[in-house]
Amino acid sequence: MIKEILPGVFHWVTFHEEIEEDVHSYYFCTTDPAVLIDPRVPNEEMAWFKNQNPPKHIFLTNRLHYRNSNRFIASFGAKVWCHSTGLHEFSKKQKVHGFNHGVRLPGDVLALEVGVLCPEETAFYFPQSGGILAIGDALVRYDGELGFVPDALMGENPKAVKKGLHHIFFKHLEREFDHLLFAHGEPWIGGAKLGLRRFLEAFQE
């Protein structure tokens, strides 16, 4: 079910058959134009979006989160974006456009470097509602607890990956935000920056 978690920010959960777990998607209708992050089609289907500000851009936190983007392209002519180092994942028919870390994307959304897990891993920063940081696979949140993905998904040196993620997210604490959105796990609305700081400070290398 689609829920409005902040003014103009909507969240829903769907079951991803390929990875056999729930994943999370987001729609921002107050940006200009409206955008989606890592979208799958919700239970309400595409008809729900036809009564909203149609999404014109889709931002992927990494190359593996294309999900149901093709459905939104077909219905609304949405333009899909992924960091340029991940474009090799897509066919010419998928028409994914590249960007570099540090640029502002449509809707005044800032693409922040995460990398580490994979070169294209990106966090998206929205200035609204006190600041929102949308994260892909770099951090997860289950049962209210922040964490990293399992070591088995971190390649040959999980310890080095965790150290790199720790470093990059400490850097992003310099930015103003109060909310965290996750591709894997429930969004953290209010007090998320403090929660992230405490998580990072408790990290043992």
Protein backbone atom coordinates (compact mmCIF):
# COMPACT_ATOMS: atom_id res chain seq x y z
CA MET A 1 0.00 0.00 0.00
CA ILE A 2 1.26 3.46 -0.90
CA LYS A 3 1.76 5.74 2.11
CA GLU A 4 2.63 9.43 2.29
CA ILE A 5 5.55 9.50 4.73
CA LEU A 6 6.38 13.21 4.34
CA PRO A 7 4.56 16.00 2.48
CA GLY A 8 4.64 14.95 -1.17
CA VAL A 9 6.84 11.89 -0.51
CA PHE A 10 5.27 8.45 -0.97
CA HIS A 11 6.60 5.00 -0.05
CA TRP A 12 5.54 1.44 -0.85
CA VAL A 13 6.81 -2.10 -0.44
CA THR A 14 6.67 -4.93 -2.99
CA PHE A 15 8.01 -8.46 -3.04
CA HIS A 16 10.93 -8.88 -5.46
CA GLU A 17 10.73 -12.39 -6.86
CA GLU A 18 14.33 -12.55 -8.10
CA ILE A 19 15.92 -11.82 -4.72
CA GLU A 20 12.98 -13.25 -2.75
CA GLU A 21 12.56 -10.34 -0.36
CA ASP A 22 10.64 -7.11 0.05
CA VAL A 23 12.08 -3.97 -1.54
CA HIS A 24 11.13 -0.31 -1.12
CA SER A 25 10.28 2.34 -3.70
CA TYR A 26 9.63 6.09 -3.47
CA TYR A 27 7.75 8.78 -5.37
CA PHE A 28 8.27 12.55 -4.92
CA CYS A 29 5.39 14.55 -6.34
CA THR A 30 6.47 17.98 -5.05
CA THR A 31 9.74 18.14 -6.93
CA ASP A 32 9.58 19.86 -10.30
CA PRO A 33 9.20 17.57 -12.16
CA ALA A 34 8.00 14.58 -10.10
CA VAL A 35 10.51 11.73 -9.67
CA LEU A 36 10.74 8.08 -8.63
CA ILE A 37 13.53 6.21 -6.86
CA ASP A 38 14.21 2.50 -7.58
CA PRO A 39 10.58 1.90 -8.58
CA ARG A 40 8.54 -1.24 -8.70
CA VAL A 41 4.86 -1.05 -9.58
CA PRO A 42 2.81 -0.88 -6.36
CA ASN A 43 -0.30 -2.91 -5.59
CA GLU A 44 -2.36 0.11 -6.66
CA GLU A 45 -0.90 -0.35 -10.17
CA MET A 46 -0.14 2.45 -12.63
CA ALA A 47 -3.63 3.97 -12.34
CA TRP A 48 -2.67 5.51 -8.99
CA PHE A 49 0.00 7.69 -10.60
CA LYS A 50 -2.38 8.93 -13.29
CA ASN A 51 -4.24 10.85 -10.57
CA GLN A 52 -0.98 12.43 -9.36
CA ASN A 53 1.70 14.64 -10.83
CA PRO A 54 3.07 12.18 -13.44
CA PRO A 55 6.64 11.01 -12.68
CA LYS A 56 8.99 12.26 -15.37
CA HIS A 57 12.34 11.02 -14.03
CA ILE A 58 13.55 7.83 -12.37
CA PHE A 59 16.73 7.77 -10.30
CA LEU A 60 18.51 4.46 -9.71
CA THR A 61 20.73 4.16 -6.65
CA ASN A 62 22.69 1.50 -8.56
CA ARG A 63 22.52 -0.42 -11.82
CA LEU A 64 20.66 -3.38 -10.28
CA HIS A 65 17.63 -1.30 -9.27
CA TYR A 66 16.05 -0.78 -12.71
CA ARG A 67 13.18 -2.94 -11.44
CA ASN A 68 9.90 -1.91 -13.19
CA SER A 69 11.23 1.29 -14.73
CA ASN A 70 10.10 0.13 -18.18
CA ARG A 71 6.47 0.30 -17.02
CA PHE A 72 6.86 3.94 -16.00
CA ILE A 73 8.60 4.75 -19.26
CA ALA A 74 5.70 3.25 -21.22
CA SER A 75 3.01 5.03 -19.18
CA PHE A 76 4.57 8.44 -18.56
CA GLY A 77 7.61 8.76 -20.81
CA ALA A 78 9.83 8.84 -17.71
CA LYS A 79 13.57 9.28 -18.21
CA VAL A 80 15.79 6.83 -16.29
CA TRP A 81 19.09 7.88 -14.72
CA CYS A 82 21.99 5.82 -13.36
CA HIS A 83 25.57 6.80 -12.61
CA SER A 84 27.63 6.52 -15.79
CA THR A 85 29.84 3.68 -14.49
CA GLY A 86 26.77 1.43 -14.27
CA LEU A 87 25.47 1.97 -17.80
CA HIS A 88 27.08 -1.24 -19.09
CA GLU A 89 24.28 -3.16 -17.32
CA PHE A 90 21.59 -1.88 -19.69
CA SER A 91 20.60 -2.68 -23.24
CA LYS A 92 20.13 0.04 -25.84
CA LYS A 93 16.39 -0.52 -25.64
CA GLN A 94 16.36 0.42 -21.97
CA LYS A 95 17.57 3.97 -22.70
CA VAL A 96 19.21 4.74 -19.36
CA HIS A 97 20.98 8.09 -19.09
CA GLY A 98 24.22 8.62 -17.20
CA PHE A 99 25.26 11.21 -14.63
CA ASN A 100 28.31 11.90 -12.48
CA HIS A 101 28.45 12.18 -8.72
CA GLY A 102 28.12 15.73 -7.47
CA VAL A 103 25.70 16.92 -10.14
CA ARG A 104 22.17 18.21 -9.65
CA LEU A 105 19.55 16.15 -11.43
CA PRO A 106 16.03 17.22 -12.48
CA GLY A 107 13.94 18.30 -9.51
CA ASP A 108 16.99 19.87 -7.83
CA VAL A 109 18.10 16.44 -6.58
CA LEU A 110 21.79 16.14 -5.72
CA ALA A 111 23.59 12.89 -6.65
CA LEU A 112 26.03 12.05 -3.85
CA GLU A 113 28.89 9.60 -4.17
CA VAL A 114 28.71 6.37 -2.23
CA GLY A 115 30.61 3.89 -4.40
CA VAL A 116 32.51 1.25 -2.36
CA LEU A 117 29.96 -1.55 -2.89
CA CYS A 118 30.02 -0.76 -6.61
CA PRO A 119 31.33 2.31 -8.46
CA GLU A 120 27.88 3.60 -9.41
CA GLU A 121 26.31 3.37 -5.93
CA THR A 122 24.63 6.73 -5.31
CA ALA A 123 22.67 8.45 -2.56
CA PHE A 124 20.17 11.12 -3.60
CA TYR A 125 19.75 14.26 -1.52
CA PHE A 126 16.46 16.19 -1.46
CA PRO A 127 16.48 19.53 0.39
CA GLN A 128 12.78 19.43 1.30
CA SER A 129 11.30 18.64 4.75
CA GLY A 130 14.56 19.34 6.55
CA GLY A 131 16.59 17.22 4.13
CA ILE A 132 16.09 13.68 2.85
CA LEU A 133 18.84 11.20 1.95
CA ALA A 134 17.80 8.22 -0.20
CA ILE A 135 20.14 5.21 0.00
CA GLY A 136 20.38 2.08 -2.14
CA ASP A 137 22.33 -0.97 -0.97
CA ALA A 138 24.96 0.77 1.14
CA LEU A 139 22.87 0.72 4.33
CA VAL A 140 19.79 -1.27 5.32
CA ARG A 141 17.27 -0.85 8.14
CA TYR A 142 15.37 -3.78 9.58
CA ASP A 143 13.41 -3.83 12.85
CA GLY A 144 14.44 -0.23 13.40
CA GLU A 145 18.18 -1.01 13.32
CA LEU A 146 20.71 0.31 10.82
CA GLY A 147 23.19 -2.12 9.32
CA PHE A 148 25.25 -3.15 6.33
CA VAL A 149 24.26 -5.80 3.82
CA PRO A 150 25.51 -9.33 4.63
CA ASP A 151 29.24 -9.96 4.19
CA ALA A 152 28.49 -12.42 1.39
CA LEU A 153 27.29 -9.50 -0.75
CA MET A 154 30.40 -7.40 -0.14
CA GLY A 155 32.91 -9.19 -2.32
CA GLU A 156 36.26 -10.58 -1.25
CA ASN A 157 37.02 -8.05 1.49
CA PRO A 158 33.89 -7.16 3.51
CA LYS A 159 35.98 -5.46 6.20
CA ALA A 160 37.41 -2.99 3.68
CA VAL A 161 33.95 -2.33 2.19
CA LYS A 162 32.48 -1.56 5.61
CA LYS A 163 35.40 0.75 6.39
CA GLY A 164 34.84 2.57 3.09
CA LEU A 165 31.10 2.95 3.71
CA HIS A 166 31.82 4.19 7.22
CA HIS A 167 34.13 6.86 5.81
CA ILE A 168 31.78 8.06 3.06
CA PHE A 169 28.73 8.32 5.30
CA PHE A 170 30.65 10.21 7.96
CA LYS A 171 31.41 12.67 5.18
CA HIS A 172 27.72 12.94 4.28
CA LEU A 173 26.88 13.83 7.89
CA GLU A 174 28.14 17.31 6.99
CA ARG A 175 24.93 17.77 4.99
CA GLU A 176 21.64 18.80 6.60
CA PHE A 177 19.02 16.04 6.63
CA ASP A 178 16.50 14.60 9.05
CA HIS A 179 15.19 11.57 7.13
CA LEU A 180 16.67 8.45 5.52
CA LEU A 181 15.02 6.37 2.79
CA PHE A 182 16.24 2.85 2.06
CA ALA A 183 15.88 0.46 -0.87
CA HIS A 184 16.03 -2.34 1.71
CA GLY A 185 14.26 -1.55 4.95
CA GLU A 186 11.74 0.88 6.38
CA PRO A 187 12.34 4.62 5.94
CA TRP A 188 13.54 6.55 8.98
CA ILE A 189 11.42 9.66 9.34
CA GLY A 190 12.70 12.25 11.82
CA GLY A 191 15.93 12.03 13.79
CA ALA A 192 17.68 9.94 11.13
CA LYS A 193 20.86 12.00 11.03
CA LEU A 194 21.43 11.50 14.74
CA GLY A 195 20.68 7.80 14.34
CA LEU A 196 23.16 7.48 11.50
CA ARG A 197 25.82 9.34 13.50
CA ARG A 198 25.37 6.98 16.45
CA PHE A 199 25.56 3.95 14.16
CA LEU A 200 28.79 5.19 12.59
CA GLU A 201 30.35 6.13 15.91
CA ALA A 202 29.64 2.63 17.25
CA PHE A 203 31.24 0.98 14.23
CA GLN A 204 34.24 -1.20 15.02
CA GLU A 205 36.80 -1.47 12.21
